Protein backbone atom coordinates (compact mmCIF):
# COMPACT_ATOMS: atom_id res chain seq x y z
CA MET A 1 -175.32 -102.41 47.23
CA ARG A 2 -176.83 -105.59 45.77
CA ALA A 3 -173.62 -106.34 43.93
CA TYR A 4 -171.62 -105.82 47.14
CA ARG A 5 -173.81 -108.27 49.16
CA LEU A 6 -173.66 -110.73 46.32
CA LEU A 7 -169.89 -110.48 46.31
CA GLN A 8 -169.72 -111.14 50.07
CA LEU A 9 -171.95 -114.20 49.85
CA VAL A 10 -170.01 -115.80 47.02
CA GLN A 11 -166.74 -115.29 48.91
CA GLN A 12 -168.15 -116.91 52.05
CA THR A 13 -169.98 -119.89 50.56
CA SER A 14 -168.41 -120.87 47.26
CA ARG A 15 -165.76 -123.21 48.80
CA GLY A 16 -168.26 -126.04 49.24
CA PHE A 17 -169.72 -125.83 45.74
CA GLU A 18 -168.27 -127.95 43.01
CA ALA A 19 -171.09 -127.57 40.55
CA GLY A 20 -172.12 -124.28 39.01
CA ALA A 21 -175.82 -125.08 39.45
CA ALA A 22 -175.66 -125.21 43.25
CA LEU A 23 -173.76 -121.92 43.41
CA ARG A 24 -176.24 -120.39 40.97
CA GLY A 25 -179.16 -121.20 43.27
CA THR A 26 -177.47 -119.67 46.30
CA VAL A 27 -176.54 -116.50 44.38
CA ALA A 28 -180.11 -116.14 43.13
CA ALA A 29 -181.49 -116.50 46.67
CA ALA A 30 -179.07 -113.85 47.94
CA TRP A 31 -180.10 -111.48 45.17
CA GLY A 32 -183.75 -111.89 46.05
CA SER A 33 -183.12 -111.50 49.79
CA SER A 34 -181.27 -108.21 49.24
CA ALA A 35 -184.14 -106.95 47.10
CA GLY A 36 -187.17 -108.15 49.09
CA GLY A 37 -186.21 -108.17 52.76
CA GLY A 38 -187.76 -111.06 54.80
CA ALA A 39 -189.13 -113.14 51.93
CA SER A 40 -188.43 -116.87 51.80
CA GLY A 41 -185.54 -118.31 49.87
CA GLY A 42 -187.84 -119.90 47.25
CA SER A 43 -189.74 -116.74 46.47
CA ALA A 44 -186.49 -114.78 46.43
CA ALA A 45 -185.11 -117.14 43.82
CA HIS A 46 -188.09 -116.42 41.59
CA ARG A 47 -187.42 -112.70 41.88
CA ALA A 48 -183.76 -113.01 40.88
CA PRO A 49 -182.84 -112.10 37.29
CA ARG A 50 -182.86 -115.28 35.19
CA SER A 51 -179.88 -114.09 33.21
CA LEU A 52 -177.63 -114.04 36.32
CA VAL A 53 -174.98 -116.76 36.36
CA ALA A 54 -172.17 -117.23 38.90
CA VAL A 55 -169.16 -118.94 37.34
CA PRO A 56 -166.58 -120.41 39.77
CA ARG A 57 -163.04 -120.66 38.42
CA ALA A 58 -160.43 -123.26 39.24
CA LEU A 59 -157.60 -120.72 39.29
CA TYR A 60 -156.46 -120.20 42.88
CA HIS A 61 -155.75 -116.71 44.16
CA LYS A 62 -154.27 -116.27 47.61
CA ARG A 63 -156.71 -113.57 48.71
CA ASN A 64 -159.47 -114.48 46.27
CA PRO A 65 -159.33 -118.25 46.81
CA PHE A 66 -162.31 -119.14 44.63
CA GLY A 67 -161.39 -117.05 41.63
CA PHE A 68 -165.01 -116.20 40.92
CA ARG A 69 -166.49 -113.81 38.42
CA VAL A 70 -170.14 -112.84 38.00
CA VAL A 71 -171.46 -112.54 34.46
CA ARG A 72 -174.72 -112.50 32.59
CA GLU A 73 -175.74 -115.24 30.17
CA ASP A 74 -174.94 -112.95 27.25
CA GLY A 75 -171.35 -112.72 28.50
CA GLU A 76 -171.52 -109.19 29.92
CA GLU A 77 -170.04 -108.53 33.34
CA LEU A 78 -172.44 -107.68 36.16
CA PRO A 79 -172.26 -103.89 36.74
CA GLY A 80 -170.21 -103.02 39.80
CA VAL A 81 -168.24 -106.27 39.88
CA LYS A 82 -164.80 -106.42 38.24
CA ASN A 83 -163.33 -109.62 36.83
CA LEU A 84 -159.96 -110.33 38.42
CA GLU A 85 -157.06 -111.04 36.08
CA LEU A 86 -154.45 -110.75 38.84
CA SER A 87 -154.58 -111.83 42.44
CA ILE A 88 -154.65 -109.13 45.08
CA ASP A 89 -151.18 -110.23 46.15
CA GLU A 90 -149.93 -109.75 42.62
CA MET A 91 -151.50 -106.31 42.45
CA ASP A 92 -149.91 -105.41 45.80
CA GLU A 93 -146.55 -106.50 44.47
CA GLN A 94 -146.98 -104.29 41.42
CA ARG A 95 -147.87 -101.34 43.63
CA LYS A 96 -144.81 -101.95 45.81
CA LYS A 97 -142.63 -102.18 42.70
CA VAL A 98 -143.88 -98.80 41.53
CA GLU A 99 -143.28 -97.30 44.97
CA ARG A 100 -139.74 -98.68 45.02
CA GLY A 101 -139.10 -97.07 41.65
CA VAL A 102 -140.25 -93.69 42.94
CA GLU A 103 -138.16 -93.99 46.11
CA ASP A 104 -135.06 -94.95 44.11
CA ALA A 105 -135.53 -91.96 41.81
CA LYS A 106 -136.05 -89.68 44.80
CA ALA A 107 -132.89 -90.92 46.50
CA ALA A 108 -130.88 -90.34 43.32
CA ALA A 109 -132.32 -86.82 42.99
CA LEU A 110 -131.45 -85.99 46.60
CA LYS A 111 -127.89 -87.11 45.98
CA LEU A 112 -127.64 -84.74 43.02
CA LEU A 113 -129.17 -81.89 45.02
CA GLY A 114 -126.64 -82.53 47.77
CA ALA A 115 -123.84 -81.65 45.36
CA ARG A 116 -125.42 -78.43 44.03
CA ALA A 117 -128.76 -76.86 43.25
CA HIS A 118 -130.53 -78.22 40.16
CA SER A 119 -133.51 -77.16 38.14
CA ARG A 120 -136.33 -79.64 37.67
CA LYS A 121 -135.34 -80.13 34.02
CA GLU A 122 -131.72 -80.87 34.96
CA LEU A 123 -132.79 -83.49 37.49
CA LYS A 124 -135.22 -85.08 35.04
CA VAL A 125 -132.56 -85.40 32.33
CA LYS A 126 -129.95 -86.85 34.69
CA LEU A 127 -132.35 -89.34 36.30
CA LEU A 128 -133.54 -90.59 32.92
CA GLU A 129 -129.90 -91.02 31.85
CA LYS A 130 -129.38 -93.18 34.95
CA GLY A 131 -132.16 -95.51 33.78
CA HIS A 132 -135.08 -94.45 35.97
CA GLU A 133 -138.58 -94.69 34.46
CA LEU A 134 -140.22 -91.45 33.38
CA HIS A 135 -143.30 -91.88 35.60
CA ASP A 136 -141.08 -92.63 38.61
CA VAL A 137 -139.00 -89.51 37.91
CA ARG A 138 -142.08 -87.31 37.65
CA ASP A 139 -143.57 -88.61 40.89
CA ALA A 140 -140.23 -88.28 42.72
CA LEU A 141 -139.71 -84.69 41.57
CA ASP A 142 -143.28 -83.77 42.46
CA ARG A 143 -142.69 -85.05 46.00
CA LEU A 144 -139.41 -83.17 46.39
CA GLN A 145 -140.99 -79.99 45.10
CA SER A 146 -144.01 -80.33 47.39
CA VAL A 147 -141.78 -80.38 50.51
CA GLY A 148 -139.46 -77.61 49.29
CA LEU A 149 -136.39 -79.74 48.58
CA GLN A 150 -136.37 -78.65 44.94
CA SER A 151 -137.46 -75.26 43.66
CA ASP A 152 -136.83 -73.69 40.27
CA GLU A 153 -137.29 -70.27 41.88
CA GLU A 154 -134.50 -70.82 44.40
CA PHE A 155 -132.31 -72.47 41.76
CA ALA A 156 -132.69 -69.50 39.40
CA GLU A 157 -131.69 -66.96 42.04
CA THR A 158 -128.75 -69.05 43.27
CA PHE A 159 -127.54 -69.65 39.72
CA ALA A 160 -127.84 -66.01 38.69
CA ARG A 161 -126.04 -64.72 41.78
CA SER A 162 -123.27 -67.29 41.46
CA LYS A 163 -122.58 -66.62 37.79
CA TRP A 164 -122.60 -62.90 38.38
CA ARG A 165 -120.29 -62.89 41.39
CA GLN A 166 -117.85 -65.58 40.28
CA SER A 167 -117.79 -65.24 36.49
CA LYS A 168 -119.25 -61.76 35.90
CA TRP A 169 -121.85 -63.07 33.49
CA GLY A 170 -124.20 -60.43 32.10
CA ALA A 171 -127.97 -60.51 32.47
CA ARG A 172 -128.49 -61.73 28.90
CA ARG A 173 -126.13 -64.70 29.28
CA ILE A 174 -127.71 -65.67 32.62
CA GLU A 175 -131.23 -65.44 31.20
CA LEU A 176 -130.37 -67.63 28.21
CA GLU A 177 -128.73 -70.23 30.43
CA LEU A 178 -131.69 -70.34 32.81
CA HIS A 179 -134.03 -70.85 29.88
CA HIS A 180 -131.82 -73.69 28.62
CA ARG A 181 -132.09 -75.32 32.05
CA GLY A 182 -135.89 -75.25 31.96
CA VAL A 183 -136.57 -72.20 34.16
CA SER A 184 -139.62 -70.20 33.15
CA GLN A 185 -139.31 -66.66 31.85
CA GLU A 186 -141.07 -65.26 34.91
CA LEU A 187 -138.73 -66.97 37.37
CA ALA A 188 -135.66 -65.99 35.33
CA ALA A 189 -136.76 -62.33 35.30
CA ALA A 190 -137.31 -62.39 39.06
CA ALA A 191 -133.83 -63.87 39.61
CA LEU A 192 -132.22 -61.17 37.46
CA ARG A 193 -134.02 -58.44 39.41
CA SER A 194 -132.72 -59.90 42.67
CA VAL A 195 -129.15 -59.60 41.34
CA PHE A 196 -129.14 -56.55 39.10
CA GLY A 197 -132.11 -54.59 40.39
CA GLU A 198 -133.50 -52.66 37.44
CA GLY A 199 -130.46 -53.58 35.34
CA LEU A 200 -126.85 -52.55 34.79
CA ASP A 201 -126.21 -48.96 33.76
CA MET A 202 -122.46 -48.76 33.26
CA ARG A 203 -122.60 -45.44 31.40
CA GLN A 204 -124.28 -43.66 34.31
CA HIS A 205 -121.96 -45.34 36.79
CA LEU A 206 -118.81 -44.30 34.92
CA GLU A 207 -120.08 -40.76 34.47
CA GLN A 208 -120.78 -40.55 38.20
CA MET A 209 -117.25 -41.81 38.89
CA HIS A 210 -115.75 -39.11 36.68
CA ASP A 211 -117.84 -36.38 38.29
CA GLU A 212 -116.85 -37.43 41.80
CA ASP A 213 -113.19 -37.73 40.81
CA ALA A 214 -113.32 -34.21 39.46
CA HIS A 215 -114.73 -32.91 42.73
CA GLY A 216 -112.63 -35.14 44.96
CA GLN A 217 -115.68 -36.80 46.46
CA HIS A 218 -116.73 -40.45 46.55
CA SER A 219 -120.15 -41.49 47.86
CA SER A 220 -120.55 -44.87 49.52
CA SER A 221 -123.42 -45.76 47.16
CA LEU A 222 -121.00 -45.63 44.24
CA PHE A 223 -119.19 -48.75 45.47
CA ALA A 224 -122.24 -50.75 46.53
CA GLY A 225 -123.96 -51.58 43.23
CA PRO A 226 -123.46 -54.30 40.61
CA GLU A 227 -121.80 -51.80 38.26
CA GLN A 228 -118.88 -51.33 40.65
CA MET A 229 -118.62 -55.08 41.15
CA LEU A 230 -118.36 -55.52 37.39
CA LEU A 231 -115.75 -52.80 37.12
CA GLU A 232 -113.60 -54.42 39.80
CA GLY A 233 -113.94 -57.79 38.12
CA VAL A 234 -112.90 -56.55 34.69
CA ARG A 235 -109.96 -54.68 36.21
CA ARG A 236 -108.59 -57.99 37.49
CA GLN A 237 -109.15 -59.64 34.10
CA TRP A 238 -107.51 -56.70 32.33
CA GLU A 239 -104.44 -57.08 34.52
CA ARG A 240 -104.16 -60.76 33.62
CA MET A 241 -103.83 -59.73 29.98
CA ALA A 242 -101.06 -57.20 30.63
CA ARG A 243 -98.38 -59.26 28.82
CA LEU A 244 -100.26 -59.12 25.51
CA THR A 245 -99.77 -56.47 22.88
CA GLU A 246 -102.16 -53.55 22.99
CA GLU A 247 -104.27 -54.76 20.07
CA ALA A 248 -104.32 -58.38 21.24
CA ARG A 249 -105.23 -57.27 24.73
CA ARG A 250 -108.19 -55.28 23.43
CA ARG A 251 -109.45 -58.17 21.29
CA ARG A 252 -109.06 -60.68 24.12
CA PHE A 253 -110.91 -58.41 26.55
CA VAL A 254 -113.81 -57.76 24.15
CA ALA A 255 -114.18 -61.50 23.47
CA TRP A 256 -114.10 -62.24 27.22
CA MET A 257 -116.92 -59.75 27.83
CA GLN A 258 -119.00 -60.91 24.88
CA ARG A 259 -118.86 -64.54 26.01
CA ARG A 260 -120.41 -63.39 29.25
CA GLY A 261 -123.31 -61.73 27.50
CA HIS A 262 -122.52 -58.07 28.11
CA ARG A 263 -123.81 -55.34 25.82
CA TRP A 264 -121.43 -53.62 23.43
CA ASP A 265 -122.11 -50.20 25.00
CA ASP A 266 -120.99 -51.53 28.38
CA ILE A 267 -117.95 -53.25 26.89
CA ARG A 268 -116.86 -50.10 25.09
CA GLY A 269 -117.35 -47.95 28.18
CA LEU A 270 -115.37 -50.32 30.38
CA LEU A 271 -112.59 -50.65 27.84
CA HIS A 272 -112.28 -46.89 27.65
CA GLN A 273 -112.20 -46.69 31.46
CA LEU A 274 -109.48 -49.34 31.76
CA GLU A 275 -107.26 -47.72 29.14
CA LYS A 276 -107.75 -44.36 30.83
CA GLU A 277 -106.66 -45.83 34.18
CA ASP A 278 -103.56 -47.34 32.51
CA ALA A 279 -102.66 -43.97 31.01
CA GLN A 280 -103.06 -42.28 34.39
CA ARG A 281 -100.80 -44.82 36.08
CA ALA A 282 -98.19 -44.30 33.33
CA ILE A 283 -98.24 -40.59 34.01
CA ASP A 284 -97.88 -41.24 37.72
CA GLY A 285 -94.91 -43.53 37.04
CA GLU A 286 -96.60 -46.73 38.19
CA LEU A 287 -96.28 -48.50 34.85
């Protein structure tokens, strides 16, 4: 509190002082007044610490016009009072510059998010490549995340569902890609559950298909799961390879499935199912 009152007095009265001695006497009186209440100025001066010296500076600051600093005779700064190296205007300008950097990074991130969903890591890499400062990027992404404009959880689910529906990627390929894009293991696992449930089980699905074909029955649940979606997708891909020789067609299909991260058991089961369907169509005269 003493330091604060001392600071106020120096700001209000130091304009008229050209000699350090006159300012020193006024500062000492203020110190004593703040400590002793209604005592006279002379007695207050005697109570002031002898080591206290107020040093006016010639450097002009717009909002600190007298450029003062308060030090002790041994050169140590008075506790609670900071020496000013920059004017308040200069510090304000630095703060505004930082804020502009954050706003620029945020605007660039929003533009990227407008094109498609991104993980936090993807946005960070792209913004740094565009020349934004790291601290600006971090602050911008924190703000977007706090208001729900960027979420790794939503990105993971959107990415997993898109790659499954459009490209028929397997769970393993999706998980690896999410990890590469900076999504945590927990969020990646949750995204896979939202798409695949407890996981693909092509063997059980194909066995159920054969049983229902044998009995001439087809339940609606058979065509609602991810296994049926995968089967329909690979049927279309298998048809695109119809012009190849039998061996080349098999190799091309296996490679296509492996690139998408599917297990060998699933690949083998699907390949067997596709060749069986081709044989049945040949018997029926469709091929």
